[in-house]
N, C-alpha and C. Protein backbone atom coordinates (compact mmCIF):
# COMPACT_ATOMS: atom_id res chain seq x y z
N ASP A 1 -8.89 -2.18 -4.01
CA ASP A 1 -8.98 -2.24 -5.45
C ASP A 1 -10.24 -1.50 -5.88
N LYS A 2 -10.13 -0.76 -6.93
CA LYS A 2 -11.28 0.01 -7.42
C LYS A 2 -12.42 -0.91 -7.84
N GLU A 3 -12.12 -2.00 -8.49
CA GLU A 3 -13.14 -2.92 -8.99
C GLU A 3 -13.21 -4.17 -8.12
N MET A 4 -14.19 -4.22 -7.22
CA MET A 4 -14.40 -5.38 -6.37
C MET A 4 -15.85 -5.81 -6.49
N PRO A 5 -16.13 -7.09 -6.28
CA PRO A 5 -17.49 -7.58 -6.53
C PRO A 5 -18.57 -7.06 -5.58
N VAL A 6 -18.29 -6.91 -4.30
CA VAL A 6 -19.33 -6.52 -3.35
C VAL A 6 -19.41 -5.00 -3.21
N MET A 7 -18.27 -4.35 -3.03
CA MET A 7 -18.22 -2.89 -2.98
C MET A 7 -16.91 -2.45 -3.60
N ASP A 8 -16.93 -1.30 -4.24
CA ASP A 8 -15.69 -0.86 -4.88
C ASP A 8 -14.77 -0.17 -3.88
N GLY A 9 -13.58 0.14 -4.32
CA GLY A 9 -12.58 0.75 -3.45
C GLY A 9 -12.99 2.11 -2.92
N HIS A 10 -13.78 2.86 -3.71
CA HIS A 10 -14.25 4.17 -3.23
C HIS A 10 -15.13 3.99 -1.99
N GLU A 11 -16.09 3.08 -2.09
CA GLU A 11 -17.00 2.83 -0.98
C GLU A 11 -16.25 2.27 0.23
N ALA A 12 -15.36 1.32 0.00
CA ALA A 12 -14.58 0.74 1.11
C ALA A 12 -13.75 1.81 1.81
N THR A 13 -13.18 2.72 1.05
CA THR A 13 -12.38 3.81 1.63
C THR A 13 -13.26 4.73 2.47
N ARG A 14 -14.43 5.08 1.95
CA ARG A 14 -15.33 5.95 2.70
C ARG A 14 -15.73 5.31 4.04
N ILE A 15 -16.01 4.01 4.01
CA ILE A 15 -16.40 3.31 5.24
C ILE A 15 -15.25 3.29 6.24
N LEU A 16 -14.04 2.99 5.76
CA LEU A 16 -12.88 2.98 6.65
C LEU A 16 -12.63 4.36 7.25
N ARG A 17 -12.69 5.38 6.44
CA ARG A 17 -12.42 6.75 6.92
C ARG A 17 -13.50 7.23 7.89
N ALA A 18 -14.72 6.72 7.76
CA ALA A 18 -15.81 7.12 8.65
C ALA A 18 -15.67 6.48 10.04
N ASN A 19 -14.86 5.44 10.15
CA ASN A 19 -14.66 4.75 11.42
C ASN A 19 -13.60 5.49 12.24
N PRO A 20 -13.97 6.10 13.36
CA PRO A 20 -12.99 6.86 14.14
C PRO A 20 -11.86 6.01 14.72
N LYS A 21 -12.05 4.71 14.79
CA LYS A 21 -11.00 3.83 15.32
C LYS A 21 -9.97 3.45 14.26
N PHE A 22 -10.27 3.68 12.99
CA PHE A 22 -9.34 3.31 11.92
C PHE A 22 -8.19 4.31 11.87
N ARG A 23 -6.98 3.79 11.96
CA ARG A 23 -5.78 4.64 11.95
C ARG A 23 -4.78 4.23 10.87
N GLY A 24 -5.16 3.37 9.97
CA GLY A 24 -4.22 2.85 8.98
C GLY A 24 -4.10 3.71 7.74
N HIS A 25 -3.23 3.27 6.86
CA HIS A 25 -3.06 3.90 5.56
C HIS A 25 -3.92 3.14 4.56
N ILE A 26 -4.43 3.85 3.58
CA ILE A 26 -5.20 3.21 2.52
C ILE A 26 -4.51 3.49 1.20
N VAL A 27 -4.20 2.43 0.49
CA VAL A 27 -3.59 2.54 -0.83
C VAL A 27 -4.58 2.00 -1.84
N GLY A 28 -4.99 2.85 -2.76
CA GLY A 28 -5.89 2.43 -3.82
C GLY A 28 -5.12 1.75 -4.94
N VAL A 29 -5.66 0.66 -5.43
CA VAL A 29 -5.04 -0.08 -6.53
C VAL A 29 -6.06 -0.12 -7.67
N THR A 30 -5.63 0.30 -8.85
CA THR A 30 -6.56 0.35 -9.96
C THR A 30 -5.86 0.18 -11.30
N GLY A 31 -6.61 -0.28 -12.26
CA GLY A 31 -6.12 -0.34 -13.64
C GLY A 31 -6.50 0.93 -14.38
N ASN A 32 -7.27 1.80 -13.73
CA ASN A 32 -7.72 3.06 -14.33
C ASN A 32 -6.68 4.13 -14.03
N ALA A 33 -5.86 4.45 -15.02
CA ALA A 33 -4.71 5.32 -14.77
C ALA A 33 -4.87 6.75 -15.28
N LEU A 34 -6.06 7.12 -15.74
CA LEU A 34 -6.24 8.49 -16.19
C LEU A 34 -6.25 9.43 -14.99
N ASP A 35 -5.80 10.65 -15.18
CA ASP A 35 -5.67 11.61 -14.08
C ASP A 35 -6.97 11.78 -13.31
N PHE A 36 -8.10 11.91 -14.01
CA PHE A 36 -9.36 12.14 -13.30
C PHE A 36 -9.78 10.92 -12.49
N GLN A 37 -9.41 9.70 -12.94
CA GLN A 37 -9.74 8.49 -12.19
C GLN A 37 -8.91 8.41 -10.91
N ILE A 38 -7.66 8.77 -11.01
CA ILE A 38 -6.79 8.79 -9.82
C ILE A 38 -7.27 9.87 -8.86
N SER A 39 -7.67 11.02 -9.38
CA SER A 39 -8.19 12.11 -8.53
C SER A 39 -9.45 11.68 -7.80
N GLU A 40 -10.32 10.92 -8.48
CA GLU A 40 -11.53 10.41 -7.82
C GLU A 40 -11.17 9.53 -6.63
N PHE A 41 -10.19 8.65 -6.83
CA PHE A 41 -9.76 7.75 -5.76
C PHE A 41 -9.21 8.56 -4.59
N LEU A 42 -8.36 9.53 -4.89
CA LEU A 42 -7.77 10.36 -3.84
C LEU A 42 -8.84 11.16 -3.10
N SER A 43 -9.85 11.63 -3.81
CA SER A 43 -10.91 12.42 -3.17
C SER A 43 -11.76 11.57 -2.23
N CYS A 44 -11.73 10.26 -2.41
CA CYS A 44 -12.47 9.36 -1.50
C CYS A 44 -11.72 9.14 -0.19
N GLY A 45 -10.43 9.52 -0.16
CA GLY A 45 -9.69 9.41 1.09
C GLY A 45 -8.51 8.46 1.09
N VAL A 46 -8.14 7.89 -0.07
CA VAL A 46 -6.95 7.03 -0.07
C VAL A 46 -5.72 7.91 0.12
N ASP A 47 -4.68 7.33 0.70
CA ASP A 47 -3.43 8.05 0.90
C ASP A 47 -2.59 8.09 -0.37
N GLU A 48 -2.74 7.06 -1.17
CA GLU A 48 -1.92 6.92 -2.37
C GLU A 48 -2.64 6.00 -3.34
N VAL A 49 -2.37 6.18 -4.63
CA VAL A 49 -2.95 5.32 -5.66
C VAL A 49 -1.81 4.72 -6.46
N ILE A 50 -1.84 3.40 -6.63
CA ILE A 50 -0.90 2.74 -7.54
C ILE A 50 -1.71 2.05 -8.62
N THR A 51 -1.14 2.02 -9.81
CA THR A 51 -1.86 1.45 -10.94
C THR A 51 -1.32 0.07 -11.30
N LYS A 52 -2.23 -0.73 -11.83
CA LYS A 52 -1.87 -2.07 -12.29
C LYS A 52 -1.20 -1.95 -13.65
N PRO A 53 -0.31 -2.84 -13.98
CA PRO A 53 0.18 -3.92 -13.13
C PRO A 53 1.07 -3.37 -12.03
N VAL A 54 0.89 -3.92 -10.83
CA VAL A 54 1.66 -3.48 -9.66
C VAL A 54 3.02 -4.16 -9.70
N LYS A 55 4.05 -3.37 -9.57
CA LYS A 55 5.42 -3.90 -9.57
C LYS A 55 5.91 -4.07 -8.13
N ARG A 56 6.63 -5.14 -7.88
CA ARG A 56 7.15 -5.45 -6.55
C ARG A 56 7.97 -4.30 -5.97
N ASP A 57 8.80 -3.70 -6.80
CA ASP A 57 9.66 -2.62 -6.33
C ASP A 57 8.83 -1.41 -5.88
N ARG A 58 7.74 -1.15 -6.57
CA ARG A 58 6.87 -0.03 -6.20
C ARG A 58 6.21 -0.29 -4.84
N ILE A 59 5.76 -1.52 -4.63
CA ILE A 59 5.18 -1.90 -3.34
C ILE A 59 6.23 -1.77 -2.23
N ALA A 60 7.44 -2.23 -2.50
CA ALA A 60 8.51 -2.16 -1.50
C ALA A 60 8.80 -0.72 -1.11
N LEU A 61 8.87 0.16 -2.09
CA LEU A 61 9.14 1.56 -1.81
C LEU A 61 8.02 2.17 -0.98
N MET A 62 6.79 1.88 -1.35
CA MET A 62 5.64 2.41 -0.63
C MET A 62 5.62 1.89 0.82
N LEU A 63 5.85 0.60 1.01
CA LEU A 63 5.87 0.04 2.37
C LEU A 63 6.98 0.66 3.20
N ARG A 64 8.10 0.93 2.57
CA ARG A 64 9.21 1.58 3.29
C ARG A 64 8.79 2.98 3.73
N GLN A 65 8.10 3.70 2.86
CA GLN A 65 7.67 5.06 3.21
C GLN A 65 6.70 5.05 4.39
N TYR A 66 5.92 3.99 4.53
CA TYR A 66 4.98 3.88 5.65
C TYR A 66 5.60 3.20 6.86
N GLY A 67 6.91 2.91 6.81
CA GLY A 67 7.60 2.34 7.95
C GLY A 67 7.34 0.85 8.15
N LEU A 68 6.94 0.16 7.10
CA LEU A 68 6.61 -1.26 7.22
C LEU A 68 7.70 -2.17 6.68
N LEU A 69 8.82 -1.60 6.24
CA LEU A 69 9.98 -2.37 5.81
C LEU A 69 11.19 -1.86 6.55
N HIS A 70 12.19 -2.73 6.71
CA HIS A 70 13.43 -2.35 7.37
C HIS A 70 14.53 -2.19 6.34
N ASP A 71 15.41 -1.24 6.56
CA ASP A 71 16.52 -0.98 5.63
C ASP A 71 17.59 -2.06 5.76
N ILE A 72 17.69 -2.89 4.74
CA ILE A 72 18.73 -3.91 4.72
C ILE A 72 19.25 -4.11 3.30
N ALA A 73 18.38 -4.55 2.41
CA ALA A 73 18.81 -4.94 1.07
C ALA A 73 18.47 -3.86 0.06
N PRO A 74 19.42 -3.49 -0.83
CA PRO A 74 19.12 -2.47 -1.84
C PRO A 74 18.24 -3.02 -2.95
N ILE A 75 17.31 -2.21 -3.40
CA ILE A 75 16.48 -2.54 -4.56
C ILE A 75 16.58 -1.37 -5.52
N HIS A 76 16.83 -1.68 -6.77
CA HIS A 76 16.94 -0.65 -7.79
C HIS A 76 15.56 -0.39 -8.36
N ILE A 77 15.14 0.87 -8.36
CA ILE A 77 13.79 1.24 -8.80
C ILE A 77 13.90 2.23 -9.94
N VAL A 78 13.12 1.97 -11.00
CA VAL A 78 13.01 2.92 -12.10
C VAL A 78 11.55 3.29 -12.20
N GLU A 79 11.24 4.57 -11.97
CA GLU A 79 9.86 5.02 -12.03
C GLU A 79 9.84 6.38 -12.71
N SER A 80 8.97 6.55 -13.66
CA SER A 80 8.83 7.80 -14.40
C SER A 80 10.16 8.23 -15.01
N GLY A 81 10.94 7.26 -15.46
CA GLY A 81 12.21 7.56 -16.10
C GLY A 81 13.32 7.94 -15.15
N ILE A 82 13.06 7.96 -13.84
CA ILE A 82 14.07 8.32 -12.85
C ILE A 82 14.53 7.03 -12.17
N SER A 83 15.83 6.83 -12.13
CA SER A 83 16.39 5.63 -11.55
C SER A 83 16.98 5.95 -10.19
N SER A 84 16.71 5.10 -9.21
CA SER A 84 17.30 5.29 -7.89
C SER A 84 17.43 3.94 -7.20
N THR A 85 18.26 3.90 -6.20
CA THR A 85 18.42 2.70 -5.39
C THR A 85 18.03 3.04 -3.96
N VAL A 86 17.17 2.21 -3.39
CA VAL A 86 16.76 2.40 -2.00
C VAL A 86 17.05 1.13 -1.23
N ASP A 87 17.24 1.26 0.06
CA ASP A 87 17.48 0.09 0.90
C ASP A 87 16.16 -0.34 1.51
N VAL A 88 15.68 -1.52 1.11
CA VAL A 88 14.44 -2.05 1.67
C VAL A 88 14.56 -3.54 1.88
N SER A 89 13.83 -4.02 2.85
CA SER A 89 13.77 -5.45 3.12
C SER A 89 12.52 -5.70 3.94
N VAL A 90 11.89 -6.82 3.71
CA VAL A 90 10.70 -7.16 4.47
C VAL A 90 11.08 -7.42 5.92
N ALA A 91 10.28 -6.90 6.83
CA ALA A 91 10.54 -7.12 8.24
C ALA A 91 10.55 -8.62 8.53
N PRO A 92 11.45 -9.09 9.37
CA PRO A 92 11.49 -10.52 9.66
C PRO A 92 10.19 -10.97 10.31
N PRO A 93 9.74 -12.19 9.99
CA PRO A 93 8.49 -12.67 10.59
C PRO A 93 8.64 -12.83 12.09
N LYS A 94 7.56 -12.54 12.80
CA LYS A 94 7.57 -12.71 14.25
C LYS A 94 7.48 -14.20 14.55
N THR A 95 8.36 -14.66 15.38
CA THR A 95 8.32 -16.06 15.76
C THR A 95 7.56 -16.19 17.07
N GLU A 96 6.78 -17.22 17.16
CA GLU A 96 5.97 -17.45 18.35
C GLU A 96 6.75 -18.29 19.33
N SER A 97 6.84 -17.80 20.56
CA SER A 97 7.50 -18.59 21.59
C SER A 97 6.44 -19.41 22.31
N PRO A 98 6.84 -20.47 23.01
CA PRO A 98 5.87 -21.29 23.75
C PRO A 98 5.06 -20.47 24.75
N ASN A 99 5.63 -19.39 25.28
CA ASN A 99 4.93 -18.55 26.26
C ASN A 99 3.84 -17.70 25.63
N ASP A 100 3.87 -17.53 24.29
CA ASP A 100 2.87 -16.72 23.58
C ASP A 100 1.58 -17.46 23.36
N ARG A 101 1.61 -18.76 23.45
CA ARG A 101 0.43 -19.58 23.15
C ARG A 101 -0.53 -19.59 24.33
N GLU A 102 -1.81 -19.57 24.00
CA GLU A 102 -2.83 -19.68 25.06
C GLU A 102 -2.97 -21.14 25.45
N SER A 103 -3.28 -21.37 26.69
CA SER A 103 -3.46 -22.74 27.20
C SER A 103 -4.88 -23.20 26.98
């Protein structure tokens, strides 16, 4: 998030990107939707910026693009006046077997 109490999203992104072990995606979330504000976020190293209020369908589409959702249930998405249907579903939770527990 761009506005956080201890450090903002720009600083957090710079720290993550400076860590050679970090291999994840960074999605900036902000209520600041002007083009130059989004460009600032992108220039700090985020992969994508979404603006508040965040819609569930937008998150689902983004997670699917990053391979974090499985194709099962269709969700209808309307964004920028363009309507489409995509197949997305949250990955089933991992269940812990008795053999997974430490003694």
